[in-house]
Amino acid sequence: MPQRNQAALDFLLTRRSRPARTLAAPVPDRAELRVLLTAAARVPDHGKLEPWRFVVLEQPALARLATEVAARGAALGHDADKLAKDVAQYAEANLVVAVIASPKASEKAPPHEQAYSTGAVCLSLVNAALAAGWGASWLTGWASTDAEIATRNFALQQGESVAGLIHIGTETTAPPERPRPDIDAITSWVES
């Protein structure tokens, strides 16, 4: 019989991302963030390619990014109300870790496996932050895929993209529970 880690299982069964707009200061300091990043990097990684990396955006960088998103969104003709919400994602944040998909040439690990590994890093970082007592949320948005903004603000190299923007901070309000998947409706059992 395997040894059960009930505390870890209970955490996973009850984990809940916190909306980014409900996160405030304080945020993890660099030493604590290194622990969270170390935990996030412990994901399946076929070929040990590390097809991802981190860009940590602290408040001054986020304020600059909010200004750029506002200007770029206006230039692209984005709806003013929606743009205000997009700008707030950065203007109201205190700490965001951009998880950068950085695929590597490999015969062993095709691009889709590297993409899955990168997604696992995003979720692992959210879970590590939650387990450490912080609030965390995984977001993206149009600005993370806009070549002009992303290249300049996330230091993207050729072939890279933003897989996730992980907001981390102090939870100011508990989010309401939301409906969860019906496991029986989405599970098939193959017996033979």
C-alpha atoms as a PDB file:
ATOM      1  CA  MET A   1       0.000   0.000   0.000  1.00  0.00           C
ATOM      2  CA  PRO A   2       1.494   3.395  -0.944  1.00  0.00           C
ATOM      3  CA  GLN A   3       2.166   5.944   1.784  1.00  0.00           C
ATOM      4  CA  ARG A   4      -0.507   8.612   1.572  1.00  0.00           C
ATOM      5  CA  ASN A   5       0.312  12.316   1.952  1.00  0.00           C
ATOM      6  CA  GLN A   6      -3.131  13.389   3.111  1.00  0.00           C
ATOM      7  CA  ALA A   7      -2.160  17.029   3.675  1.00  0.00           C
ATOM      8  CA  ALA A   8      -0.961  17.368   0.081  1.00  0.00           C
ATOM      9  CA  LEU A   9      -4.053  15.590  -1.255  1.00  0.00           C
ATOM     10  CA  ASP A  10      -6.369  17.782   0.828  1.00  0.00           C
ATOM     11  CA  PHE A  11      -4.581  20.878  -0.498  1.00  0.00           C
ATOM     12  CA  LEU A  12      -5.015  19.756  -4.117  1.00  0.00           C
ATOM     13  CA  LEU A  13      -8.680  18.861  -3.565  1.00  0.00           C
ATOM     14  CA  THR A  14      -9.447  22.315  -2.153  1.00  0.00           C
ATOM     15  CA  ARG A  15      -6.970  24.594  -3.973  1.00  0.00           C
ATOM     16  CA  ARG A  16      -8.456  27.721  -5.492  1.00  0.00           C
ATOM     17  CA  SER A  17      -6.735  30.440  -7.473  1.00  0.00           C
ATOM     18  CA  ARG A  18      -7.312  33.945  -6.168  1.00  0.00           C
ATOM     19  CA  PRO A  19      -8.480  36.633  -8.607  1.00  0.00           C
ATOM     20  CA  ALA A  20      -5.552  38.932  -9.392  1.00  0.00           C
ATOM     21  CA  ARG A  21      -7.617  42.013  -8.557  1.00  0.00           C
ATOM     22  CA  THR A  22      -7.940  40.764  -4.948  1.00  0.00           C
ATOM     23  CA  LEU A  23      -4.165  40.466  -4.389  1.00  0.00           C
ATOM     24  CA  ALA A  24      -2.264  43.209  -2.583  1.00  0.00           C
ATOM     25  CA  ALA A  25       1.065  43.907  -0.907  1.00  0.00           C
ATOM     26  CA  PRO A  26       3.006  42.507   0.763  1.00  0.00           C
ATOM     27  CA  VAL A  27       4.393  40.035  -1.746  1.00  0.00           C
ATOM     28  CA  PRO A  28       7.083  37.389  -1.341  1.00  0.00           C
ATOM     29  CA  ASP A  29      10.589  38.792  -1.070  1.00  0.00           C
ATOM     30  CA  ARG A  30      13.240  37.552  -3.480  1.00  0.00           C
ATOM     31  CA  ALA A  31      14.427  34.770  -1.163  1.00  0.00           C
ATOM     32  CA  GLU A  32      10.911  33.384  -0.738  1.00  0.00           C
ATOM     33  CA  LEU A  33      10.150  33.817  -4.431  1.00  0.00           C
ATOM     34  CA  ARG A  34      13.242  31.752  -5.271  1.00  0.00           C
ATOM     35  CA  VAL A  35      11.755  28.902  -3.209  1.00  0.00           C
ATOM     36  CA  LEU A  36       8.470  29.176  -5.132  1.00  0.00           C
ATOM     37  CA  LEU A  37      10.305  29.265  -8.478  1.00  0.00           C
ATOM     38  CA  THR A  38      12.366  26.232  -7.449  1.00  0.00           C
ATOM     39  CA  ALA A  39       9.172  24.328  -6.625  1.00  0.00           C
ATOM     40  CA  ALA A  40       7.599  25.428  -9.925  1.00  0.00           C
ATOM     41  CA  ALA A  41      10.574  24.135 -11.901  1.00  0.00           C
ATOM     42  CA  ARG A  42      10.092  20.586 -10.546  1.00  0.00           C
ATOM     43  CA  VAL A  43       7.833  19.483 -13.381  1.00  0.00           C
ATOM     44  CA  PRO A  44       8.040  16.753 -16.011  1.00  0.00           C
ATOM     45  CA  ASP A  45      10.681  17.895 -18.482  1.00  0.00           C
ATOM     46  CA  HIS A  46      11.495  15.235 -21.050  1.00  0.00           C
ATOM     47  CA  GLY A  47      15.108  15.502 -22.109  1.00  0.00           C
ATOM     48  CA  LYS A  48      15.852  17.968 -19.291  1.00  0.00           C
ATOM     49  CA  LEU A  49      15.477  20.811 -21.785  1.00  0.00           C
ATOM     50  CA  GLU A  50      14.004  23.426 -19.455  1.00  0.00           C
ATOM     51  CA  PRO A  51      11.786  24.764 -22.258  1.00  0.00           C
ATOM     52  CA  TRP A  52      10.675  27.636 -20.039  1.00  0.00           C
ATOM     53  CA  ARG A  53      12.155  30.459 -18.011  1.00  0.00           C
ATOM     54  CA  PHE A  54      10.980  33.156 -15.614  1.00  0.00           C
ATOM     55  CA  VAL A  55      10.812  36.953 -15.867  1.00  0.00           C
ATOM     56  CA  VAL A  56       9.954  38.583 -12.536  1.00  0.00           C
ATOM     57  CA  LEU A  57       8.112  41.893 -12.830  1.00  0.00           C
ATOM     58  CA  GLU A  58       8.119  44.023  -9.710  1.00  0.00           C
ATOM     59  CA  GLN A  59       5.937  47.086  -9.133  1.00  0.00           C
ATOM     60  CA  PRO A  60       7.953  49.719 -11.067  1.00  0.00           C
ATOM     61  CA  ALA A  61       8.118  47.455 -14.136  1.00  0.00           C
ATOM     62  CA  LEU A  62       4.402  46.706 -13.823  1.00  0.00           C
ATOM     63  CA  ALA A  63       3.551  50.423 -13.677  1.00  0.00           C
ATOM     64  CA  ARG A  64       5.583  51.009 -16.851  1.00  0.00           C
ATOM     65  CA  LEU A  65       3.889  48.034 -18.505  1.00  0.00           C
ATOM     66  CA  ALA A  66       0.436  49.395 -17.573  1.00  0.00           C
ATOM     67  CA  THR A  67       1.290  52.670 -19.309  1.00  0.00           C
ATOM     68  CA  GLU A  68       2.459  50.823 -22.429  1.00  0.00           C
ATOM     69  CA  VAL A  69      -0.642  48.612 -22.489  1.00  0.00           C
ATOM     70  CA  ALA A  70      -2.865  51.705 -22.248  1.00  0.00           C
ATOM     71  CA  ALA A  71      -1.087  53.427 -25.137  1.00  0.00           C
ATOM     72  CA  ARG A  72      -0.880  50.335 -27.333  1.00  0.00           C
ATOM     73  CA  GLY A  73      -4.489  49.325 -26.673  1.00  0.00           C
ATOM     74  CA  ALA A  74      -5.700  52.817 -27.552  1.00  0.00           C
ATOM     75  CA  ALA A  75      -3.613  52.788 -30.746  1.00  0.00           C
ATOM     76  CA  LEU A  76      -5.156  49.432 -31.685  1.00  0.00           C
ATOM     77  CA  GLY A  77      -8.667  50.808 -31.064  1.00  0.00           C
ATOM     78  CA  HIS A  78      -9.566  48.574 -28.112  1.00  0.00           C
ATOM     79  CA  ASP A  79     -12.827  49.242 -26.304  1.00  0.00           C
ATOM     80  CA  ALA A  80     -12.158  51.774 -23.535  1.00  0.00           C
ATOM     81  CA  ASP A  81     -13.899  49.789 -20.768  1.00  0.00           C
ATOM     82  CA  LYS A  82     -12.138  46.548 -21.688  1.00  0.00           C
ATOM     83  CA  LEU A  83      -8.835  48.384 -22.020  1.00  0.00           C
ATOM     84  CA  ALA A  84      -9.215  49.848 -18.521  1.00  0.00           C
ATOM     85  CA  LYS A  85      -9.548  46.303 -17.158  1.00  0.00           C
ATOM     86  CA  ASP A  86      -6.505  45.185 -19.179  1.00  0.00           C
ATOM     87  CA  VAL A  87      -4.438  48.097 -17.845  1.00  0.00           C
ATOM     88  CA  ALA A  88      -5.543  47.370 -14.263  1.00  0.00           C
ATOM     89  CA  GLN A  89      -4.079  43.841 -14.546  1.00  0.00           C
ATOM     90  CA  TYR A  90      -0.652  45.495 -14.456  1.00  0.00           C
ATOM     91  CA  ALA A  91      -1.294  48.840 -12.726  1.00  0.00           C
ATOM     92  CA  GLU A  92      -2.817  47.231  -9.637  1.00  0.00           C
ATOM     93  CA  ALA A  93      -0.315  44.355  -9.419  1.00  0.00           C
ATOM     94  CA  ASN A  94       2.645  44.251  -7.062  1.00  0.00           C
ATOM     95  CA  LEU A  95       4.384  41.100  -8.332  1.00  0.00           C
ATOM     96  CA  VAL A  96       3.960  39.101 -11.528  1.00  0.00           C
ATOM     97  CA  VAL A  97       6.090  36.220 -12.736  1.00  0.00           C
ATOM     98  CA  ALA A  98       5.965  35.804 -16.490  1.00  0.00           C
ATOM     99  CA  VAL A  99       6.510  32.175 -17.408  1.00  0.00           C
ATOM    100  CA  ILE A 100       8.172  32.232 -20.800  1.00  0.00           C
ATOM    101  CA  ALA A 101       7.799  29.285 -23.164  1.00  0.00           C
ATOM    102  CA  SER A 102      11.292  28.807 -24.540  1.00  0.00           C
ATOM    103  CA  PRO A 103      11.171  25.699 -26.741  1.00  0.00           C
ATOM    104  CA  LYS A 104      14.399  23.908 -27.597  1.00  0.00           C
ATOM    105  CA  ALA A 105      15.296  21.860 -30.653  1.00  0.00           C
ATOM    106  CA  SER A 106      15.015  18.205 -29.670  1.00  0.00           C
ATOM    107  CA  GLU A 107      14.457  14.828 -31.267  1.00  0.00           C
ATOM    108  CA  LYS A 108      13.354  13.361 -27.909  1.00  0.00           C
ATOM    109  CA  ALA A 109      10.839  15.994 -26.791  1.00  0.00           C
ATOM    110  CA  PRO A 110       8.524  17.338 -29.500  1.00  0.00           C
ATOM    111  CA  PRO A 111       7.165  20.896 -29.238  1.00  0.00           C
ATOM    112  CA  HIS A 112       3.816  19.817 -27.777  1.00  0.00           C
ATOM    113  CA  GLU A 113       5.530  18.015 -24.867  1.00  0.00           C
ATOM    114  CA  GLN A 114       7.611  21.111 -24.183  1.00  0.00           C
ATOM    115  CA  ALA A 115       4.437  23.214 -24.213  1.00  0.00           C
ATOM    116  CA  TYR A 116       2.801  20.850 -21.713  1.00  0.00           C
ATOM    117  CA  SER A 117       5.863  21.129 -19.468  1.00  0.00           C
ATOM    118  CA  THR A 118       5.608  24.914 -19.621  1.00  0.00           C
ATOM    119  CA  GLY A 119       1.926  24.798 -18.647  1.00  0.00           C
ATOM    120  CA  ALA A 120       2.846  22.524 -15.758  1.00  0.00           C
ATOM    121  CA  VAL A 121       5.331  25.171 -14.567  1.00  0.00           C
ATOM    122  CA  CYS A 122       2.555  27.789 -14.547  1.00  0.00           C
ATOM    123  CA  LEU A 123       0.229  25.640 -12.444  1.00  0.00           C
ATOM    124  CA  SER A 124       3.060  24.510 -10.180  1.00  0.00           C
ATOM    125  CA  LEU A 125       3.991  28.124  -9.471  1.00  0.00           C
ATOM    126  CA  VAL A 126       0.375  28.981  -8.594  1.00  0.00           C
ATOM    127  CA  ASN A 127       0.160  25.919  -6.337  1.00  0.00           C
ATOM    128  CA  ALA A 128       3.526  26.646  -4.677  1.00  0.00           C
ATOM    129  CA  ALA A 129       2.418  30.208  -3.920  1.00  0.00           C
ATOM    130  CA  LEU A 130      -0.917  29.010  -2.529  1.00  0.00           C
ATOM    131  CA  ALA A 131       0.781  26.319  -0.438  1.00  0.00           C
ATOM    132  CA  ALA A 132       3.116  28.984   0.989  1.00  0.00           C
ATOM    133  CA  GLY A 133       0.117  31.049   2.103  1.00  0.00           C
ATOM    134  CA  TRP A 134       0.064  33.615  -0.716  1.00  0.00           C
ATOM    135  CA  GLY A 135      -2.745  34.314  -3.125  1.00  0.00           C
ATOM    136  CA  ALA A 136      -1.970  33.554  -6.765  1.00  0.00           C
ATOM    137  CA  SER A 137      -3.597  33.634 -10.170  1.00  0.00           C
ATOM    138  CA  TRP A 138      -2.568  32.550 -13.685  1.00  0.00           C
ATOM    139  CA  LEU A 139      -3.565  35.086 -16.342  1.00  0.00           C
ATOM    140  CA  THR A 140      -2.571  35.997 -19.895  1.00  0.00           C
ATOM    141  CA  GLY A 141      -4.398  38.543 -22.069  1.00  0.00           C
ATOM    142  CA  TRP A 142      -3.819  40.242 -25.389  1.00  0.00           C
ATOM    143  CA  ALA A 143      -0.819  42.250 -24.168  1.00  0.00           C
ATOM    144  CA  SER A 144       1.117  39.061 -23.437  1.00  0.00           C
ATOM    145  CA  THR A 145       0.749  38.024 -27.085  1.00  0.00           C
ATOM    146  CA  ASP A 146       1.242  41.438 -28.664  1.00  0.00           C
ATOM    147  CA  ALA A 147       4.699  41.247 -30.283  1.00  0.00           C
ATOM    148  CA  GLU A 148       5.540  44.887 -29.595  1.00  0.00           C
ATOM    149  CA  ILE A 149       4.680  44.769 -25.898  1.00  0.00           C
ATOM    150  CA  ALA A 150       5.819  41.215 -25.179  1.00  0.00           C
ATOM    151  CA  THR A 151       9.221  41.483 -26.822  1.00  0.00           C
ATOM    152  CA  ARG A 152      10.097  44.671 -24.967  1.00  0.00           C
ATOM    153  CA  ASN A 153       8.594  43.895 -21.563  1.00  0.00           C
ATOM    154  CA  PHE A 154       9.171  40.169 -21.237  1.00  0.00           C
ATOM    155  CA  ALA A 155      12.583  40.053 -22.949  1.00  0.00           C
ATOM    156  CA  LEU A 156      11.354  37.498 -25.480  1.00  0.00           C
ATOM    157  CA  GLN A 157      13.892  35.907 -27.767  1.00  0.00           C
ATOM    158  CA  GLN A 158      13.170  34.398 -31.197  1.00  0.00           C
ATOM    159  CA  GLY A 159      10.637  31.565 -30.884  1.00  0.00           C
ATOM    160  CA  GLU A 160       9.604  32.415 -27.326  1.00  0.00           C
ATOM    161  CA  SER A 161       6.170  33.385 -26.029  1.00  0.00           C
ATOM    162  CA  VAL A 162       4.445  34.196 -22.744  1.00  0.00           C
ATOM    163  CA  ALA A 163       2.728  31.086 -21.382  1.00  0.00           C
ATOM    164  CA  GLY A 164       1.379  32.701 -18.253  1.00  0.00           C
ATOM    165  CA  LEU A 165       1.450  35.751 -16.038  1.00  0.00           C
ATOM    166  CA  ILE A 166       1.386  34.513 -12.471  1.00  0.00           C
ATOM    167  CA  HIS A 167       0.163  37.208 -10.085  1.00  0.00           C
ATOM    168  CA  ILE A 168       1.275  36.640  -6.500  1.00  0.00           C
ATOM    169  CA  GLY A 169       0.362  38.642  -3.417  1.00  0.00           C
ATOM    170  CA  THR A 170      -1.556  38.814  -0.193  1.00  0.00           C
ATOM    171  CA  GLU A 171      -5.142  37.682  -0.453  1.00  0.00           C
ATOM    172  CA  THR A 172      -7.544  40.463   0.552  1.00  0.00           C
ATOM    173  CA  THR A 173     -10.761  38.495   0.252  1.00  0.00           C
ATOM    174  CA  ALA A 174     -11.620  34.822  -0.046  1.00  0.00           C
ATOM    175  CA  PRO A 175     -13.073  33.988  -3.440  1.00  0.00           C
ATOM    176  CA  PRO A 176     -16.414  32.211  -3.579  1.00  0.00           C
ATOM    177  CA  GLU A 177     -16.306  28.554  -4.526  1.00  0.00           C
ATOM    178  CA  ARG A 178     -17.248  27.850  -8.105  1.00  0.00           C
ATOM    179  CA  PRO A 179     -18.786  24.810  -9.759  1.00  0.00           C
ATOM    180  CA  ARG A 180     -16.305  22.009 -10.395  1.00  0.00           C
ATOM    181  CA  PRO A 181     -16.305  19.404 -13.165  1.00  0.00           C
ATOM    182  CA  ASP A 182     -18.596  16.401 -12.888  1.00  0.00           C
ATOM    183  CA  ILE A 183     -15.925  13.690 -12.806  1.00  0.00           C
ATOM    184  CA  ASP A 184     -18.353  10.957 -13.912  1.00  0.00           C
ATOM    185  CA  ALA A 185     -19.351  13.004 -16.973  1.00  0.00           C
ATOM    186  CA  ILE A 186     -15.762  13.460 -18.121  1.00  0.00           C
ATOM    187  CA  THR A 187     -14.306  10.054 -17.229  1.00  0.00           C
ATOM    188  CA  SER A 188     -14.284   6.874 -19.288  1.00  0.00           C
ATOM    189  CA  TRP A 189     -13.182   3.530 -17.871  1.00  0.00           C
ATOM    190  CA  VAL A 190     -11.502   1.122 -20.294  1.00  0.00           C
ATOM    191  CA  GLU A 191     -11.611  -2.404 -18.914  1.00  0.00           C
ATOM    192  CA  SER A 192     -10.453  -4.486 -21.843  1.00  0.00           C
END
